[in-house]
Amino acid sequence: MGYYIDEASTSLDNLQTRLETTDLIPSQKALLSELTKKMDALKKTGIKSIAGLRTRLKSKKSLASLADDSGINPDYLAMLRRAVEGFFPKPQALKTFDWLDQDTIARLDQAGVRNTRQLYEATSSGVDKLVDNAGLKKKNLLDFLSLSDLSRIQWVSPTFARALAAAGFTRTTMVAAANPETLYEALMKANENAHFYKGKVGLRDIKRLIAAAAYVPVG
């Protein structure tokens, strides 16, 4: 499986279901207004998947064109674009995980592996080849791989990935399968001990995190 969801095979119906079943953040609640009607309008323009939608929303010019073609307000389309792009978190530079082994970062850099997506793809069939080719310690690589995996979850920064790992949730699958209260308590305890972040993360945020993790491809 890829680093991200397969945008080409994720239909507008899939998108509608995700929006309807997600506890949207306040700034995105308006997306639910006449959602079926708007999805139907997008389908009539020839858009069949999230890939097609992202292409039509990519620039201001193409978004304006889609607004004309579909009859959907451009402000709504801009909001939809922000929501959809959130499904594709920007890969994190490995050097931002600066609390991990610096020699591993340097060796990965020399091997052309500089961000979380590149690391995920370089180890898609196993870690041994990269360990041998780059002269890495396997344990150190697995630490990076764990954080790279967690970084595929929407809203998860390098610092928050570190907090999740410290709380005992080292893979996206563990987050997706977590009991919200259990994850919340473990995360609060880990942060209390190490002060990973200053902001308040509530139980509702954790529930959103778990829901987002469930969409991350496994493989």
Foldseek 3Di string as FASTA:
>chain_A
DALAFDQVPAFLVNVLVLVVPAPDDPVLPCCPPVVVLQSVLLVVVVGTTSVSLCVQLVDPVSLVVSCVSRVDDSVSSVSVNVVSVLRAQDWAFLVVLVVADPLVQVLCVVVVNTTLRSLCVVAVVHCVVVCVVSVHDPVSSLQSNLLSQLSSFGPQDSLNQVLQVQLVNRHLVSLLPDDLVSSVVSSVVSCVVPVSDDDDQDSSNSVNRNSRSVNGDDD
